[in-house]
């Protein structure tokens, strides 16, 4: 990997940290608060933050695994490089599914396991997230995977493996 790729990798990881732990919460609080239910004091610290933190950790692990695998890979031909493309797609799809399941767990299942209600006096044992809120968090999961996995793999994949990442040829050009 070239030194510029290390810089891009570090920059994208820093942007990802700022996005997940600061910017995203600000966006939820100030731009989409009407879509996220009646009690943002519960939603942000007890649902959104833990679920997106798990997604951030998962994307970071997947990214490190991808970088380790591609740095140590010694492809002999284009077919070996191309064989990595399904792995990249499987990783991405699994990250999105994990993010959605994490949202489901922290919005519904954890409250049912604890036999508690996130909204005092309501009697429901789940966070009453409106349909627009569900759609919003599902879209944000995809945005997170794009920012935390796709972009770093696009910018930091070594040698010919960078052409495995969708959009790399269009954005970075050929050899």
C-alpha atoms as a PDB file:
ATOM      1  CA  UNK A   1       0.000   0.000   0.000  1.00  0.00           C
ATOM      2  CA  UNK A   2       1.290   3.447  -0.874  1.00  0.00           C
ATOM      3  CA  UNK A   3       1.697   6.135   1.762  1.00  0.00           C
ATOM      4  CA  UNK A   4      -1.162   8.134   0.240  1.00  0.00           C
ATOM      5  CA  UNK A   5      -3.420   5.135   0.728  1.00  0.00           C
ATOM      6  CA  UNK A   6      -2.485   5.008   4.419  1.00  0.00           C
ATOM      7  CA  UNK A   7      -3.357   8.696   4.673  1.00  0.00           C
ATOM      8  CA  UNK A   8      -6.713   8.119   2.938  1.00  0.00           C
ATOM      9  CA  UNK A   9      -7.381   5.137   5.195  1.00  0.00           C
ATOM     10  CA  UNK A  10      -6.645   7.159   8.327  1.00  0.00           C
ATOM     11  CA  UNK A  11      -8.734  10.062   7.079  1.00  0.00           C
ATOM     12  CA  UNK A  12     -11.735   7.875   6.252  1.00  0.00           C
ATOM     13  CA  UNK A  13     -11.500   6.136   9.646  1.00  0.00           C
ATOM     14  CA  UNK A  14     -11.393   9.540  11.383  1.00  0.00           C
ATOM     15  CA  UNK A  15     -14.379  10.773   9.370  1.00  0.00           C
ATOM     16  CA  UNK A  16     -16.207   7.538  10.238  1.00  0.00           C
ATOM     17  CA  UNK A  17     -15.572   8.055  13.949  1.00  0.00           C
ATOM     18  CA  UNK A  18     -16.797  11.651  13.791  1.00  0.00           C
ATOM     19  CA  UNK A  19     -19.839  10.572  11.769  1.00  0.00           C
ATOM     20  CA  UNK A  20     -20.952   7.740  14.046  1.00  0.00           C
ATOM     21  CA  UNK A  21     -20.259   9.322  17.414  1.00  0.00           C
ATOM     22  CA  UNK A  22     -21.008  13.021  16.807  1.00  0.00           C
ATOM     23  CA  UNK A  23     -22.476  14.064  13.459  1.00  0.00           C
ATOM     24  CA  UNK A  24     -25.078  11.313  13.115  1.00  0.00           C
ATOM     25  CA  UNK A  25     -26.525  11.985  16.580  1.00  0.00           C
ATOM     26  CA  UNK A  26     -26.642  15.706  15.797  1.00  0.00           C
ATOM     27  CA  UNK A  27     -28.518  14.973  12.551  1.00  0.00           C
ATOM     28  CA  UNK A  28     -30.991  12.720  14.351  1.00  0.00           C
ATOM     29  CA  UNK A  29     -31.534  15.283  17.107  1.00  0.00           C
ATOM     30  CA  UNK A  30     -31.806  18.398  14.948  1.00  0.00           C
ATOM     31  CA  UNK A  31     -33.071  17.306  11.536  1.00  0.00           C
ATOM     32  CA  UNK A  32     -35.081  14.114  11.994  1.00  0.00           C
ATOM     33  CA  UNK A  33     -36.321  14.282  15.571  1.00  0.00           C
ATOM     34  CA  UNK A  34     -39.973  14.215  14.453  1.00  0.00           C
ATOM     35  CA  UNK A  35     -39.442  10.847  12.732  1.00  0.00           C
ATOM     36  CA  UNK A  36     -37.742   9.188  15.682  1.00  0.00           C
ATOM     37  CA  UNK A  37     -40.540   8.954  18.192  1.00  0.00           C
ATOM     38  CA  UNK A  38     -41.564  10.849  21.228  1.00  0.00           C
ATOM     39  CA  UNK A  39     -38.590  10.365  23.543  1.00  0.00           C
ATOM     40  CA  UNK A  40     -35.197  11.141  22.003  1.00  0.00           C
ATOM     41  CA  UNK A  41     -33.652  11.023  25.499  1.00  0.00           C
ATOM     42  CA  UNK A  42     -34.211   7.257  25.273  1.00  0.00           C
ATOM     43  CA  UNK A  43     -33.706   6.754  21.536  1.00  0.00           C
ATOM     44  CA  UNK A  44     -30.283   8.388  21.130  1.00  0.00           C
ATOM     45  CA  UNK A  45     -28.338   6.980  24.131  1.00  0.00           C
ATOM     46  CA  UNK A  46     -30.091   3.616  24.560  1.00  0.00           C
ATOM     47  CA  UNK A  47     -31.018   2.604  21.001  1.00  0.00           C
ATOM     48  CA  UNK A  48     -29.251   4.564  18.283  1.00  0.00           C
ATOM     49  CA  UNK A  49     -25.804   4.985  19.847  1.00  0.00           C
ATOM     50  CA  UNK A  50     -25.289   1.352  20.928  1.00  0.00           C
ATOM     51  CA  UNK A  51     -26.614  -0.096  17.675  1.00  0.00           C
ATOM     52  CA  UNK A  52     -24.505   2.187  15.488  1.00  0.00           C
ATOM     53  CA  UNK A  53     -21.481   1.569  17.730  1.00  0.00           C
ATOM     54  CA  UNK A  54     -21.858  -2.167  17.100  1.00  0.00           C
ATOM     55  CA  UNK A  55     -22.094  -1.444  13.369  1.00  0.00           C
ATOM     56  CA  UNK A  56     -18.991   0.773  13.567  1.00  0.00           C
ATOM     57  CA  UNK A  57     -17.034  -1.979  15.350  1.00  0.00           C
ATOM     58  CA  UNK A  58     -18.222  -4.551  12.796  1.00  0.00           C
ATOM     59  CA  UNK A  59     -17.270  -2.351   9.843  1.00  0.00           C
ATOM     60  CA  UNK A  60     -13.867  -1.649  11.394  1.00  0.00           C
ATOM     61  CA  UNK A  61     -13.206  -5.371  11.893  1.00  0.00           C
ATOM     62  CA  UNK A  62     -14.346  -6.132   8.333  1.00  0.00           C
ATOM     63  CA  UNK A  63     -12.165  -3.315   7.001  1.00  0.00           C
ATOM     64  CA  UNK A  64      -9.111  -4.541   8.920  1.00  0.00           C
ATOM     65  CA  UNK A  65      -9.742  -8.077   7.714  1.00  0.00           C
ATOM     66  CA  UNK A  66     -10.070  -6.820   4.113  1.00  0.00           C
ATOM     67  CA  UNK A  67      -6.854  -4.773   4.334  1.00  0.00           C
ATOM     68  CA  UNK A  68      -4.964  -7.663   5.977  1.00  0.00           C
ATOM     69  CA  UNK A  69      -6.223 -10.133   3.366  1.00  0.00           C
ATOM     70  CA  UNK A  70      -5.413  -7.930   0.400  1.00  0.00           C
ATOM     71  CA  UNK A  71      -2.035  -6.827   1.738  1.00  0.00           C
ATOM     72  CA  UNK A  72      -0.981 -10.441   2.173  1.00  0.00           C
ATOM     73  CA  UNK A  73      -2.575 -11.643  -1.061  1.00  0.00           C
ATOM     74  CA  UNK A  74      -0.281 -12.471  -3.937  1.00  0.00           C
ATOM     75  CA  UNK A  75      -2.571 -12.829  -6.943  1.00  0.00           C
ATOM     76  CA  UNK A  76      -1.028 -14.555  -9.936  1.00  0.00           C
ATOM     77  CA  UNK A  77      -3.670 -13.451 -12.403  1.00  0.00           C
ATOM     78  CA  UNK A  78      -6.817 -11.386 -12.844  1.00  0.00           C
ATOM     79  CA  UNK A  79      -9.056 -14.374 -12.048  1.00  0.00           C
ATOM     80  CA  UNK A  80      -7.632 -14.572  -8.518  1.00  0.00           C
ATOM     81  CA  UNK A  81      -8.266 -10.869  -8.021  1.00  0.00           C
ATOM     82  CA  UNK A  82     -11.792 -11.188  -9.406  1.00  0.00           C
ATOM     83  CA  UNK A  83     -12.486 -14.060  -6.999  1.00  0.00           C
ATOM     84  CA  UNK A  84     -12.319 -11.510  -4.162  1.00  0.00           C
ATOM     85  CA  UNK A  85     -15.329  -9.606  -5.493  1.00  0.00           C
ATOM     86  CA  UNK A  86     -17.960 -12.005  -4.075  1.00  0.00           C
ATOM     87  CA  UNK A  87     -16.185 -11.849  -0.711  1.00  0.00           C
ATOM     88  CA  UNK A  88     -16.390  -8.057  -0.734  1.00  0.00           C
ATOM     89  CA  UNK A  89     -20.098  -8.155  -1.612  1.00  0.00           C
ATOM     90  CA  UNK A  90     -20.857 -10.795   1.019  1.00  0.00           C
ATOM     91  CA  UNK A  91     -19.057  -8.698   3.630  1.00  0.00           C
ATOM     92  CA  UNK A  92     -21.016  -5.611   2.655  1.00  0.00           C
ATOM     93  CA  UNK A  93     -24.375  -7.382   2.654  1.00  0.00           C
ATOM     94  CA  UNK A  94     -23.623  -9.008   6.011  1.00  0.00           C
ATOM     95  CA  UNK A  95     -22.676  -5.613   7.470  1.00  0.00           C
ATOM     96  CA  UNK A  96     -25.967  -4.078   6.297  1.00  0.00           C
ATOM     97  CA  UNK A  97     -27.960  -7.025   7.666  1.00  0.00           C
ATOM     98  CA  UNK A  98     -26.080  -6.840  10.962  1.00  0.00           C
ATOM     99  CA  UNK A  99     -26.848  -3.128  11.179  1.00  0.00           C
ATOM    100  CA  UNK A 100     -30.540  -3.725  10.579  1.00  0.00           C
ATOM    101  CA  UNK A 101     -30.649  -6.564  13.121  1.00  0.00           C
ATOM    102  CA  UNK A 102     -28.844  -4.374  15.622  1.00  0.00           C
ATOM    103  CA  UNK A 103     -31.490  -1.682  15.146  1.00  0.00           C
ATOM    104  CA  UNK A 104     -34.214  -4.284  15.678  1.00  0.00           C
ATOM    105  CA  UNK A 105     -32.503  -5.637  18.780  1.00  0.00           C
ATOM    106  CA  UNK A 106     -32.050  -2.256  20.482  1.00  0.00           C
ATOM    107  CA  UNK A 107     -35.447  -0.903  19.407  1.00  0.00           C
ATOM    108  CA  UNK A 108     -37.611  -3.924  20.233  1.00  0.00           C
ATOM    109  CA  UNK A 109     -35.955  -7.071  21.544  1.00  0.00           C
ATOM    110  CA  UNK A 110     -33.812  -5.685  24.367  1.00  0.00           C
ATOM    111  CA  UNK A 111     -36.890  -4.076  25.945  1.00  0.00           C
ATOM    112  CA  UNK A 112     -38.801  -7.334  25.735  1.00  0.00           C
ATOM    113  CA  UNK A 113     -35.910  -9.290  27.237  1.00  0.00           C
ATOM    114  CA  UNK A 114     -35.672  -6.784  30.091  1.00  0.00           C
ATOM    115  CA  UNK A 115     -39.485  -6.638  30.484  1.00  0.00           C
ATOM    116  CA  UNK A 116     -39.182  -2.884  30.594  1.00  0.00           C
ATOM    117  CA  UNK A 117     -40.788   0.022  28.816  1.00  0.00           C
ATOM    118  CA  UNK A 118     -38.588   2.679  27.203  1.00  0.00           C
ATOM    119  CA  UNK A 119     -41.419   5.211  27.496  1.00  0.00           C
ATOM    120  CA  UNK A 120     -42.645   5.589  31.062  1.00  0.00           C
ATOM    121  CA  UNK A 121     -46.350   5.106  31.550  1.00  0.00           C
ATOM    122  CA  UNK A 122     -46.946   3.721  28.060  1.00  0.00           C
ATOM    123  CA  UNK A 123     -46.988   0.054  29.028  1.00  0.00           C
ATOM    124  CA  UNK A 124     -45.301  -1.041  25.775  1.00  0.00           C
ATOM    125  CA  UNK A 125     -42.162  -3.150  25.945  1.00  0.00           C
ATOM    126  CA  UNK A 126     -40.536  -1.742  22.804  1.00  0.00           C
ATOM    127  CA  UNK A 127     -39.567   1.703  21.595  1.00  0.00           C
ATOM    128  CA  UNK A 128     -42.482   3.027  19.493  1.00  0.00           C
ATOM    129  CA  UNK A 129     -40.509   4.039  16.425  1.00  0.00           C
ATOM    130  CA  UNK A 130     -42.822   5.268  13.636  1.00  0.00           C
ATOM    131  CA  UNK A 131     -42.572   3.749  10.139  1.00  0.00           C
ATOM    132  CA  UNK A 132     -40.699   6.814   8.884  1.00  0.00           C
ATOM    133  CA  UNK A 133     -38.209   6.361  11.708  1.00  0.00           C
ATOM    134  CA  UNK A 134     -37.639   2.716  10.769  1.00  0.00           C
ATOM    135  CA  UNK A 135     -37.018   3.753   7.175  1.00  0.00           C
ATOM    136  CA  UNK A 136     -34.646   6.497   8.329  1.00  0.00           C
ATOM    137  CA  UNK A 137     -32.514   4.237  10.519  1.00  0.00           C
ATOM    138  CA  UNK A 138     -32.427   1.565   7.800  1.00  0.00           C
ATOM    139  CA  UNK A 139     -31.156   4.151   5.306  1.00  0.00           C
ATOM    140  CA  UNK A 140     -28.622   5.371   7.858  1.00  0.00           C
ATOM    141  CA  UNK A 141     -27.344   1.809   8.293  1.00  0.00           C
ATOM    142  CA  UNK A 142     -26.651   1.674   4.550  1.00  0.00           C
ATOM    143  CA  UNK A 143     -24.994   5.126   4.694  1.00  0.00           C
ATOM    144  CA  UNK A 144     -22.837   3.942   7.578  1.00  0.00           C
ATOM    145  CA  UNK A 145     -21.704   0.850   5.686  1.00  0.00           C
ATOM    146  CA  UNK A 146     -20.885   3.013   2.668  1.00  0.00           C
ATOM    147  CA  UNK A 147     -18.886   5.429   4.782  1.00  0.00           C
ATOM    148  CA  UNK A 148     -17.257   2.916   7.109  1.00  0.00           C
ATOM    149  CA  UNK A 149     -16.548   0.015   4.742  1.00  0.00           C
ATOM    150  CA  UNK A 150     -17.002   0.894   1.069  1.00  0.00           C
ATOM    151  CA  UNK A 151     -15.117   4.214   1.081  1.00  0.00           C
ATOM    152  CA  UNK A 152     -12.055   2.972   3.021  1.00  0.00           C
ATOM    153  CA  UNK A 153     -11.818  -0.193   0.914  1.00  0.00           C
ATOM    154  CA  UNK A 154     -12.161   1.925  -2.211  1.00  0.00           C
ATOM    155  CA  UNK A 155      -9.365   4.278  -1.215  1.00  0.00           C
ATOM    156  CA  UNK A 156      -7.016   1.934   0.633  1.00  0.00           C
ATOM    157  CA  UNK A 157      -7.178  -1.441  -1.105  1.00  0.00           C
ATOM    158  CA  UNK A 158      -3.667  -2.297  -2.230  1.00  0.00           C
ATOM    159  CA  UNK A 159      -2.476  -3.037  -5.730  1.00  0.00           C
ATOM    160  CA  UNK A 160      -4.958  -4.577  -8.099  1.00  0.00           C
ATOM    161  CA  UNK A 161      -7.399  -5.465  -5.312  1.00  0.00           C
ATOM    162  CA  UNK A 162      -8.715  -1.916  -5.408  1.00  0.00           C
ATOM    163  CA  UNK A 163     -10.480  -2.815  -8.653  1.00  0.00           C
ATOM    164  CA  UNK A 164     -12.574  -5.366  -6.764  1.00  0.00           C
ATOM    165  CA  UNK A 165     -14.419  -2.600  -4.907  1.00  0.00           C
ATOM    166  CA  UNK A 166     -17.479  -1.377  -6.836  1.00  0.00           C
ATOM    167  CA  UNK A 167     -16.945   2.053  -8.334  1.00  0.00           C
ATOM    168  CA  UNK A 168     -13.159   1.997  -8.051  1.00  0.00           C
ATOM    169  CA  UNK A 169     -12.488   1.949 -11.763  1.00  0.00           C
ATOM    170  CA  UNK A 170     -14.964   4.739 -12.410  1.00  0.00           C
ATOM    171  CA  UNK A 171     -13.738   6.915  -9.523  1.00  0.00           C
ATOM    172  CA  UNK A 172     -10.028   6.130  -9.516  1.00  0.00           C
ATOM    173  CA  UNK A 173      -9.507   5.271 -13.170  1.00  0.00           C
ATOM    174  CA  UNK A 174      -7.626   2.362 -14.665  1.00  0.00           C
ATOM    175  CA  UNK A 175      -4.114   1.330 -13.867  1.00  0.00           C
END
